[in-house]
Each structure stands twice: as structure tokens, then as C-alpha cells.
Amino acid sequence: MAEIIEISRAALHEQVADRLRSMLIEGRIAPGAKLNERELCEQLGVSRTPLREAIKLLAAEGLADLLPNRGAIAVKLSEADVMHAFEVLAGIEGLSGELAAQRITDQEFAEIRALHYEMMASVARADVSAYYRLNAAIHAALNSAAKNPVLTETFQRINNRVQSLRFRTNLDTAKWKQAVKEHEAMIEALGARDATALRELLVTHLHHKRDAVLGMLRGEASVPNKAR
């Protein structure tokens, strides 16, 4: 019986973490905002124990920062933080693409192509949440296809901290369309097993995403009274 209770509790805090993760990534909790335990418990319908366990998990992922004696806040990155993160991410994703093109199996490619088609369907529906989820799954699958666990661990750790910013740039229609075209070219290069082309496409893709994030942050900073 004790084992069953333990599994149930573990599943609960993971479910809470999933919901809280979506709230952070999609900006329903603003960057820099305090994670108010009382309000979140009411909103999510859970007690403080699984909520606190979920917050610790998301802090480990880089989506929240734990402050001594002050609880937790949603991660908020400066322009310098963004520059440094995307500088490394561009290198990581470029290498992931190069290795994936060399090592990917036909089954893995078929799965990534299927994700791409699902993503395109979400574009047609203008479903930003589904688009971001599928987009992120494609990038993760490419990284996984590189078959380098050190590369995967590094990618996950750095990418987690910029997820909210990557999501918010998709609210700009022009930048969304540009990202979709880049993904189409990436799938074509992967299908051709063109390692050099895929590396270059991914590096360019990440540079464009960096520029979009910085433009968004600078635009928000220029309107100090804008509602976040």
C-alpha cells in the first residue's frame, strides 16, 4: 500500500509540474513574477506539498529561480543572458543537426517528418500552443537523433531557460512564417542526409530566433508601462 501511495504522489507533482510548465512557457505567469503558492494551489486545485515539489523540478529545469527565504520566481533573462544562451544553443543545435544527418535511422526520420506535418497543420489552424509544442518536439528529436548524451544534456539545460522567450516570438506572424519556412528547409536537408546544409540551417535558424527574442525584449523595454 505504501508503494502505491508513493507512486500516486509522484504522479501528482509531475502533473502539477506539467501544468505549471505550460503556464510559464506560454507567459501566463510573467517573467520575473513570484510564484505565489496560495494562488497557485487554488488555481491548480492541489495542496502545497506537490506544488513545492513541482516548483523544485521546474527550478532544476531552469524555468524558475529559487530565492533564499523568498520563494520562487519565473525566470527572467537579461539581453546579455539571451545573447549568451543563444550563442551556445546555435552551436549545439548546429552540431546536433550535423550528427543527426549522419546517424539518424529511417524510422527516426519518419517520426520527425510526421511531427513536421502535425506542426504544419497547427500553423493552418493558427494554434500557437500546439505549434510550439510540436516545434520543440522536432528540435528535441533532432538532438536525440545525434545520439550524443552529453550534447542532449547540455541542450536541455540551456534551452529550458529560453523556452518562454522562444514561445512568445511565435506571436509575431511574420517571424512565425519565417520560422516555418526554415523548418521546411531543415526537413528537406535531413531527408537528403545533408549534414553540412542542416548544420548551417540550424545555426541560421537559432540566430534568427535570437534576433527575434532581442527585438521583443527591446520593444517591451521601450514601453515601460506596457502590461506584461
C-alpha atoms as a PDB file:
ATOM      1  CA  MET A   1       0.000   0.000   0.000  1.00  0.00           C
ATOM      2  CA  ALA A   2       2.857   2.405   0.878  1.00  0.00           C
ATOM      3  CA  GLU A   3       4.365   1.882  -2.564  1.00  0.00           C
ATOM      4  CA  ILE A   4       1.082   2.701  -4.304  1.00  0.00           C
ATOM      5  CA  ILE A   5       0.736   5.944  -2.321  1.00  0.00           C
ATOM      6  CA  GLU A   6       4.302   6.946  -3.220  1.00  0.00           C
ATOM      7  CA  ILE A   7       3.670   6.396  -6.930  1.00  0.00           C
ATOM      8  CA  SER A   8       0.439   8.385  -6.705  1.00  0.00           C
ATOM      9  CA  ARG A   9       2.193  11.323  -5.029  1.00  0.00           C
ATOM     10  CA  ALA A  10       4.992  11.259  -7.601  1.00  0.00           C
ATOM     11  CA  ALA A  11       2.489  11.274 -10.426  1.00  0.00           C
ATOM     12  CA  LEU A  12       0.642  14.205  -8.829  1.00  0.00           C
ATOM     13  CA  HIS A  13       3.637  16.506  -8.572  1.00  0.00           C
ATOM     14  CA  GLU A  14       4.637  15.623 -12.137  1.00  0.00           C
ATOM     15  CA  GLN A  15       1.135  16.522 -13.324  1.00  0.00           C
ATOM     16  CA  VAL A  16       1.350  19.808 -11.434  1.00  0.00           C
ATOM     17  CA  ALA A  17       4.763  20.439 -12.983  1.00  0.00           C
ATOM     18  CA  ASP A  18       3.333  19.844 -16.474  1.00  0.00           C
ATOM     19  CA  ARG A  19       0.585  22.411 -15.934  1.00  0.00           C
ATOM     20  CA  LEU A  20       2.883  24.921 -14.297  1.00  0.00           C
ATOM     21  CA  ARG A  21       5.465  24.447 -17.069  1.00  0.00           C
ATOM     22  CA  SER A  22       2.866  25.376 -19.689  1.00  0.00           C
ATOM     23  CA  MET A  23       1.876  28.458 -17.697  1.00  0.00           C
ATOM     24  CA  LEU A  24       5.493  29.604 -17.532  1.00  0.00           C
ATOM     25  CA  ILE A  25       6.337  28.884 -21.165  1.00  0.00           C
ATOM     26  CA  GLU A  26       3.168  30.484 -22.529  1.00  0.00           C
ATOM     27  CA  GLY A  27       3.595  33.595 -20.397  1.00  0.00           C
ATOM     28  CA  ARG A  28       0.503  33.105 -18.250  1.00  0.00           C
ATOM     29  CA  ILE A  29       2.986  33.673 -15.451  1.00  0.00           C
ATOM     30  CA  ALA A  30       5.064  36.686 -16.453  1.00  0.00           C
ATOM     31  CA  PRO A  31       8.878  36.542 -16.420  1.00  0.00           C
ATOM     32  CA  GLY A  32      10.130  37.705 -13.043  1.00  0.00           C
ATOM     33  CA  ALA A  33       6.757  37.158 -11.352  1.00  0.00           C
ATOM     34  CA  LYS A  34       6.672  35.497  -7.953  1.00  0.00           C
ATOM     35  CA  LEU A  35       5.191  32.006  -7.882  1.00  0.00           C
ATOM     36  CA  ASN A  36       2.532  32.663  -5.255  1.00  0.00           C
ATOM     37  CA  GLU A  37       1.933  29.311  -3.590  1.00  0.00           C
ATOM     38  CA  ARG A  38      -1.502  30.150  -2.171  1.00  0.00           C
ATOM     39  CA  GLU A  39      -2.833  31.403  -5.500  1.00  0.00           C
ATOM     40  CA  LEU A  40      -1.313  28.533  -7.474  1.00  0.00           C
ATOM     41  CA  CYS A  41      -2.711  25.943  -5.049  1.00  0.00           C
ATOM     42  CA  GLU A  42      -6.194  27.393  -5.571  1.00  0.00           C
ATOM     43  CA  GLN A  43      -5.769  27.660  -9.333  1.00  0.00           C
ATOM     44  CA  LEU A  44      -4.408  24.138  -9.765  1.00  0.00           C
ATOM     45  CA  GLY A  45      -6.545  22.533  -7.066  1.00  0.00           C
ATOM     46  CA  VAL A  46      -3.647  20.966  -5.157  1.00  0.00           C
ATOM     47  CA  SER A  47      -2.006  21.228  -1.742  1.00  0.00           C
ATOM     48  CA  ARG A  48       1.320  22.961  -1.126  1.00  0.00           C
ATOM     49  CA  THR A  49       3.383  19.754  -0.956  1.00  0.00           C
ATOM     50  CA  PRO A  50       3.014  18.647  -4.602  1.00  0.00           C
ATOM     51  CA  LEU A  51       3.185  22.284  -5.714  1.00  0.00           C
ATOM     52  CA  ARG A  52       6.504  22.813  -3.952  1.00  0.00           C
ATOM     53  CA  GLU A  53       7.847  19.564  -5.406  1.00  0.00           C
ATOM     54  CA  ALA A  54       6.765  20.735  -8.871  1.00  0.00           C
ATOM     55  CA  ILE A  55       8.420  24.132  -8.386  1.00  0.00           C
ATOM     56  CA  LYS A  56      11.685  22.445  -7.367  1.00  0.00           C
ATOM     57  CA  LEU A  57      11.509  20.328 -10.525  1.00  0.00           C
ATOM     58  CA  LEU A  58      10.950  23.380 -12.735  1.00  0.00           C
ATOM     59  CA  ALA A  59      13.748  25.235 -10.962  1.00  0.00           C
ATOM     60  CA  ALA A  60      16.062  22.336 -11.794  1.00  0.00           C
ATOM     61  CA  GLU A  61      14.938  22.635 -15.429  1.00  0.00           C
ATOM     62  CA  GLY A  62      15.766  26.343 -15.440  1.00  0.00           C
ATOM     63  CA  LEU A  63      12.220  27.659 -15.789  1.00  0.00           C
ATOM     64  CA  ALA A  64      12.138  29.171 -12.297  1.00  0.00           C
ATOM     65  CA  ASP A  65      14.656  30.626  -9.894  1.00  0.00           C
ATOM     66  CA  LEU A  66      14.609  29.765  -6.183  1.00  0.00           C
ATOM     67  CA  LEU A  67      15.416  32.759  -3.972  1.00  0.00           C
ATOM     68  CA  PRO A  68      16.662  32.230  -0.393  1.00  0.00           C
ATOM     69  CA  ASN A  69      13.802  32.871   2.064  1.00  0.00           C
ATOM     70  CA  ARG A  70      11.731  34.464  -0.730  1.00  0.00           C
ATOM     71  CA  GLY A  71      10.219  31.527  -2.580  1.00  0.00           C
ATOM     72  CA  ALA A  72      10.488  31.210  -6.359  1.00  0.00           C
ATOM     73  CA  ILE A  73      10.070  33.459  -9.384  1.00  0.00           C
ATOM     74  CA  ALA A  74       9.575  32.767 -13.073  1.00  0.00           C
ATOM     75  CA  VAL A  75      12.944  33.027 -14.793  1.00  0.00           C
ATOM     76  CA  LYS A  76      13.661  36.426 -16.319  1.00  0.00           C
ATOM     77  CA  LEU A  77      16.644  36.824 -18.627  1.00  0.00           C
ATOM     78  CA  SER A  78      18.543  39.985 -19.494  1.00  0.00           C
ATOM     79  CA  GLU A  79      19.688  40.800 -23.041  1.00  0.00           C
ATOM     80  CA  ALA A  80      23.172  39.562 -22.108  1.00  0.00           C
ATOM     81  CA  ASP A  81      21.671  36.290 -20.790  1.00  0.00           C
ATOM     82  CA  VAL A  82      19.825  35.839 -24.088  1.00  0.00           C
ATOM     83  CA  MET A  83      22.916  36.569 -26.178  1.00  0.00           C
ATOM     84  CA  HIS A  84      24.992  34.070 -24.222  1.00  0.00           C
ATOM     85  CA  ALA A  85      22.310  31.364 -24.246  1.00  0.00           C
ATOM     86  CA  PHE A  86      21.594  31.574 -27.965  1.00  0.00           C
ATOM     87  CA  GLU A  87      25.298  31.754 -28.794  1.00  0.00           C
ATOM     88  CA  VAL A  88      25.717  28.350 -27.197  1.00  0.00           C
ATOM     89  CA  LEU A  89      22.386  26.994 -28.464  1.00  0.00           C
ATOM     90  CA  ALA A  90      23.276  27.839 -32.065  1.00  0.00           C
ATOM     91  CA  GLY A  91      26.433  25.774 -31.747  1.00  0.00           C
ATOM     92  CA  ILE A  92      24.651  22.913 -30.005  1.00  0.00           C
ATOM     93  CA  GLU A  93      21.746  22.741 -32.458  1.00  0.00           C
ATOM     94  CA  GLY A  94      24.082  23.076 -35.435  1.00  0.00           C
ATOM     95  CA  LEU A  95      26.170  20.154 -34.195  1.00  0.00           C
ATOM     96  CA  SER A  96      23.001  18.197 -33.386  1.00  0.00           C
ATOM     97  CA  GLY A  97      21.797  18.642 -36.953  1.00  0.00           C
ATOM     98  CA  GLU A  98      25.141  17.648 -38.438  1.00  0.00           C
ATOM     99  CA  LEU A  99      25.354  14.479 -36.340  1.00  0.00           C
ATOM    100  CA  ALA A 100      21.670  13.646 -36.804  1.00  0.00           C
ATOM    101  CA  ALA A 101      22.024  13.773 -40.596  1.00  0.00           C
ATOM    102  CA  GLN A 102      24.872  11.272 -40.298  1.00  0.00           C
ATOM    103  CA  ARG A 103      23.334   8.967 -37.705  1.00  0.00           C
ATOM    104  CA  ILE A 104      19.547   9.148 -37.999  1.00  0.00           C
ATOM    105  CA  THR A 105      17.622   5.973 -38.815  1.00  0.00           C
ATOM    106  CA  ASP A 106      14.838   5.827 -41.385  1.00  0.00           C
ATOM    107  CA  GLN A 107      12.329   5.295 -38.558  1.00  0.00           C
ATOM    108  CA  GLU A 108      13.581   8.337 -36.668  1.00  0.00           C
ATOM    109  CA  PHE A 109      13.374  10.458 -39.800  1.00  0.00           C
ATOM    110  CA  ALA A 110       9.823   9.257 -40.461  1.00  0.00           C
ATOM    111  CA  GLU A 111       8.834  10.277 -36.916  1.00  0.00           C
ATOM    112  CA  ILE A 112      10.381  13.740 -37.274  1.00  0.00           C
ATOM    113  CA  ARG A 113       8.700  14.219 -40.646  1.00  0.00           C
ATOM    114  CA  ALA A 114       5.368  13.226 -39.069  1.00  0.00           C
ATOM    115  CA  LEU A 115       5.896  15.812 -36.333  1.00  0.00           C
ATOM    116  CA  HIS A 116       6.618  18.368 -39.044  1.00  0.00           C
ATOM    117  CA  TYR A 117       3.330  17.603 -40.811  1.00  0.00           C
ATOM    118  CA  GLU A 118       1.463  17.924 -37.500  1.00  0.00           C
ATOM    119  CA  MET A 119       3.212  21.224 -36.904  1.00  0.00           C
ATOM    120  CA  MET A 120       2.150  22.493 -40.328  1.00  0.00           C
ATOM    121  CA  ALA A 121      -1.443  21.553 -39.501  1.00  0.00           C
ATOM    122  CA  SER A 122      -1.210  23.617 -36.316  1.00  0.00           C
ATOM    123  CA  VAL A 123       0.013  26.557 -38.419  1.00  0.00           C
ATOM    124  CA  ALA A 124      -3.057  26.231 -40.647  1.00  0.00           C
ATOM    125  CA  ARG A 125      -5.224  26.365 -37.501  1.00  0.00           C
ATOM    126  CA  ALA A 126      -3.206  29.284 -36.090  1.00  0.00           C
ATOM    127  CA  ASP A 127      -2.802  27.182 -32.929  1.00  0.00           C
ATOM    128  CA  VAL A 128       0.300  28.736 -31.361  1.00  0.00           C
ATOM    129  CA  SER A 129       0.379  26.413 -28.334  1.00  0.00           C
ATOM    130  CA  ALA A 130       0.283  23.254 -30.464  1.00  0.00           C
ATOM    131  CA  TYR A 131       2.777  24.758 -32.902  1.00  0.00           C
ATOM    132  CA  TYR A 132       5.271  25.491 -30.137  1.00  0.00           C
ATOM    133  CA  ARG A 133       4.861  22.032 -28.577  1.00  0.00           C
ATOM    134  CA  LEU A 134       5.463  20.301 -31.928  1.00  0.00           C
ATOM    135  CA  ASN A 135       8.266  22.679 -32.880  1.00  0.00           C
ATOM    136  CA  ALA A 136      10.032  21.948 -29.603  1.00  0.00           C
ATOM    137  CA  ALA A 137       9.494  18.206 -30.133  1.00  0.00           C
ATOM    138  CA  ILE A 138      11.190  18.421 -33.548  1.00  0.00           C
ATOM    139  CA  HIS A 139      14.230  20.203 -32.129  1.00  0.00           C
ATOM    140  CA  ALA A 140      14.433  17.666 -29.293  1.00  0.00           C
ATOM    141  CA  ALA A 141      14.105  14.759 -31.742  1.00  0.00           C
ATOM    142  CA  LEU A 142      16.893  16.152 -33.910  1.00  0.00           C
ATOM    143  CA  ASN A 143      19.078  16.439 -30.847  1.00  0.00           C
ATOM    144  CA  SER A 144      18.187  12.887 -29.817  1.00  0.00           C
ATOM    145  CA  ALA A 145      18.993  11.574 -33.314  1.00  0.00           C
ATOM    146  CA  ALA A 146      22.539  12.907 -32.885  1.00  0.00           C
ATOM    147  CA  LYS A 147      22.965  10.100 -30.336  1.00  0.00           C
ATOM    148  CA  ASN A 148      25.270  12.023 -28.019  1.00  0.00           C
ATOM    149  CA  PRO A 149      24.018  12.077 -24.408  1.00  0.00           C
ATOM    150  CA  VAL A 150      26.385  14.896 -23.376  1.00  0.00           C
ATOM    151  CA  LEU A 151      25.042  17.041 -26.223  1.00  0.00           C
ATOM    152  CA  THR A 152      21.454  16.232 -25.211  1.00  0.00           C
ATOM    153  CA  GLU A 153      22.016  17.090 -21.540  1.00  0.00           C
ATOM    154  CA  THR A 154      23.628  20.420 -22.459  1.00  0.00           C
ATOM    155  CA  PHE A 155      20.887  21.262 -24.959  1.00  0.00           C
ATOM    156  CA  GLN A 156      18.090  20.585 -22.472  1.00  0.00           C
ATOM    157  CA  ARG A 157      19.705  22.596 -19.678  1.00  0.00           C
ATOM    158  CA  ILE A 158      20.259  25.728 -21.769  1.00  0.00           C
ATOM    159  CA  ASN A 159      17.126  25.523 -23.901  1.00  0.00           C
ATOM    160  CA  ASN A 160      14.848  25.224 -20.864  1.00  0.00           C
ATOM    161  CA  ARG A 161      15.734  28.729 -19.705  1.00  0.00           C
ATOM    162  CA  VAL A 162      14.731  30.357 -23.005  1.00  0.00           C
ATOM    163  CA  GLN A 163      11.549  28.382 -23.715  1.00  0.00           C
ATOM    164  CA  SER A 164       9.195  31.179 -22.692  1.00  0.00           C
ATOM    165  CA  LEU A 165      11.014  33.667 -24.905  1.00  0.00           C
ATOM    166  CA  ARG A 166      11.030  31.273 -27.869  1.00  0.00           C
ATOM    167  CA  PHE A 167       7.297  30.740 -27.439  1.00  0.00           C
ATOM    168  CA  ARG A 168       6.467  34.450 -27.332  1.00  0.00           C
ATOM    169  CA  THR A 169       8.235  35.239 -30.624  1.00  0.00           C
ATOM    170  CA  ASN A 170       5.690  32.997 -32.375  1.00  0.00           C
ATOM    171  CA  LEU A 171       3.038  35.605 -31.625  1.00  0.00           C
ATOM    172  CA  ASP A 172       4.629  37.735 -34.373  1.00  0.00           C
ATOM    173  CA  THR A 173       3.063  36.473 -37.621  1.00  0.00           C
ATOM    174  CA  ALA A 174       5.960  37.463 -39.895  1.00  0.00           C
ATOM    175  CA  LYS A 175       8.554  35.776 -37.680  1.00  0.00           C
ATOM    176  CA  TRP A 176       6.313  32.725 -37.358  1.00  0.00           C
ATOM    177  CA  LYS A 177       6.131  32.365 -41.150  1.00  0.00           C
ATOM    178  CA  GLN A 178       9.897  32.744 -41.421  1.00  0.00           C
ATOM    179  CA  ALA A 179      10.463  30.016 -38.824  1.00  0.00           C
ATOM    180  CA  VAL A 180       8.080  27.679 -40.682  1.00  0.00           C
ATOM    181  CA  LYS A 181       9.989  28.142 -43.958  1.00  0.00           C
ATOM    182  CA  GLU A 182      13.232  27.402 -42.158  1.00  0.00           C
ATOM    183  CA  HIS A 183      11.758  24.214 -40.717  1.00  0.00           C
ATOM    184  CA  GLU A 184      10.682  23.081 -44.172  1.00  0.00           C
ATOM    185  CA  ALA A 185      14.254  23.530 -45.423  1.00  0.00           C
ATOM    186  CA  MET A 186      15.582  21.665 -42.381  1.00  0.00           C
ATOM    187  CA  ILE A 187      13.348  18.650 -43.059  1.00  0.00           C
ATOM    188  CA  GLU A 188      14.471  18.622 -46.693  1.00  0.00           C
ATOM    189  CA  ALA A 189      18.149  18.680 -45.705  1.00  0.00           C
ATOM    190  CA  LEU A 190      17.604  15.952 -43.110  1.00  0.00           C
ATOM    191  CA  GLY A 191      15.830  13.785 -45.668  1.00  0.00           C
ATOM    192  CA  ALA A 192      18.781  14.204 -48.022  1.00  0.00           C
ATOM    193  CA  ARG A 193      21.159  13.383 -45.122  1.00  0.00           C
ATOM    194  CA  ASP A 194      22.988  16.624 -45.944  1.00  0.00           C
ATOM    195  CA  ALA A 195      24.921  17.225 -42.715  1.00  0.00           C
ATOM    196  CA  THR A 196      26.583  20.467 -43.805  1.00  0.00           C
ATOM    197  CA  ALA A 197      23.367  22.054 -45.040  1.00  0.00           C
ATOM    198  CA  LEU A 198      21.405  21.048 -41.930  1.00  0.00           C
ATOM    199  CA  ARG A 199      24.071  22.439 -39.621  1.00  0.00           C
ATOM    200  CA  GLU A 200      24.057  25.774 -41.455  1.00  0.00           C
ATOM    201  CA  LEU A 201      20.260  25.923 -41.492  1.00  0.00           C
ATOM    202  CA  LEU A 202      20.004  25.307 -37.767  1.00  0.00           C
ATOM    203  CA  VAL A 203      22.657  27.869 -36.883  1.00  0.00           C
ATOM    204  CA  THR A 204      20.856  30.456 -39.039  1.00  0.00           C
ATOM    205  CA  HIS A 205      17.505  29.429 -37.518  1.00  0.00           C
ATOM    206  CA  LEU A 206      18.844  29.997 -33.996  1.00  0.00           C
ATOM    207  CA  HIS A 207      20.381  33.337 -34.951  1.00  0.00           C
ATOM    208  CA  HIS A 208      17.019  34.471 -36.318  1.00  0.00           C
ATOM    209  CA  LYS A 209      15.318  33.300 -33.136  1.00  0.00           C
ATOM    210  CA  ARG A 210      17.875  35.175 -31.033  1.00  0.00           C
ATOM    211  CA  ASP A 211      17.276  38.358 -33.025  1.00  0.00           C
ATOM    212  CA  ALA A 212      13.509  37.947 -32.655  1.00  0.00           C
ATOM    213  CA  VAL A 213      13.824  37.499 -28.884  1.00  0.00           C
ATOM    214  CA  LEU A 214      16.111  40.509 -28.504  1.00  0.00           C
ATOM    215  CA  GLY A 215      13.801  42.636 -30.643  1.00  0.00           C
ATOM    216  CA  MET A 216      10.858  41.623 -28.494  1.00  0.00           C
ATOM    217  CA  LEU A 217      12.699  42.396 -25.243  1.00  0.00           C
ATOM    218  CA  ARG A 218      13.857  45.781 -26.514  1.00  0.00           C
ATOM    219  CA  GLY A 219      10.354  46.615 -27.691  1.00  0.00           C
ATOM    220  CA  GLU A 220       8.927  45.785 -24.273  1.00  0.00           C
ATOM    221  CA  ALA A 221      11.649  47.781 -22.531  1.00  0.00           C
ATOM    222  CA  SER A 222      10.845  50.843 -24.663  1.00  0.00           C
ATOM    223  CA  VAL A 223       7.250  50.786 -23.355  1.00  0.00           C
ATOM    224  CA  PRO A 224       7.741  50.753 -19.549  1.00  0.00           C
ATOM    225  CA  ASN A 225       4.030  50.960 -18.731  1.00  0.00           C
ATOM    226  CA  LYS A 226       3.019  48.168 -21.106  1.00  0.00           C
ATOM    227  CA  ALA A 227       1.053  45.419 -19.376  1.00  0.00           C
ATOM    228  CA  ARG A 228       3.105  42.261 -19.137  1.00  0.00           C
END
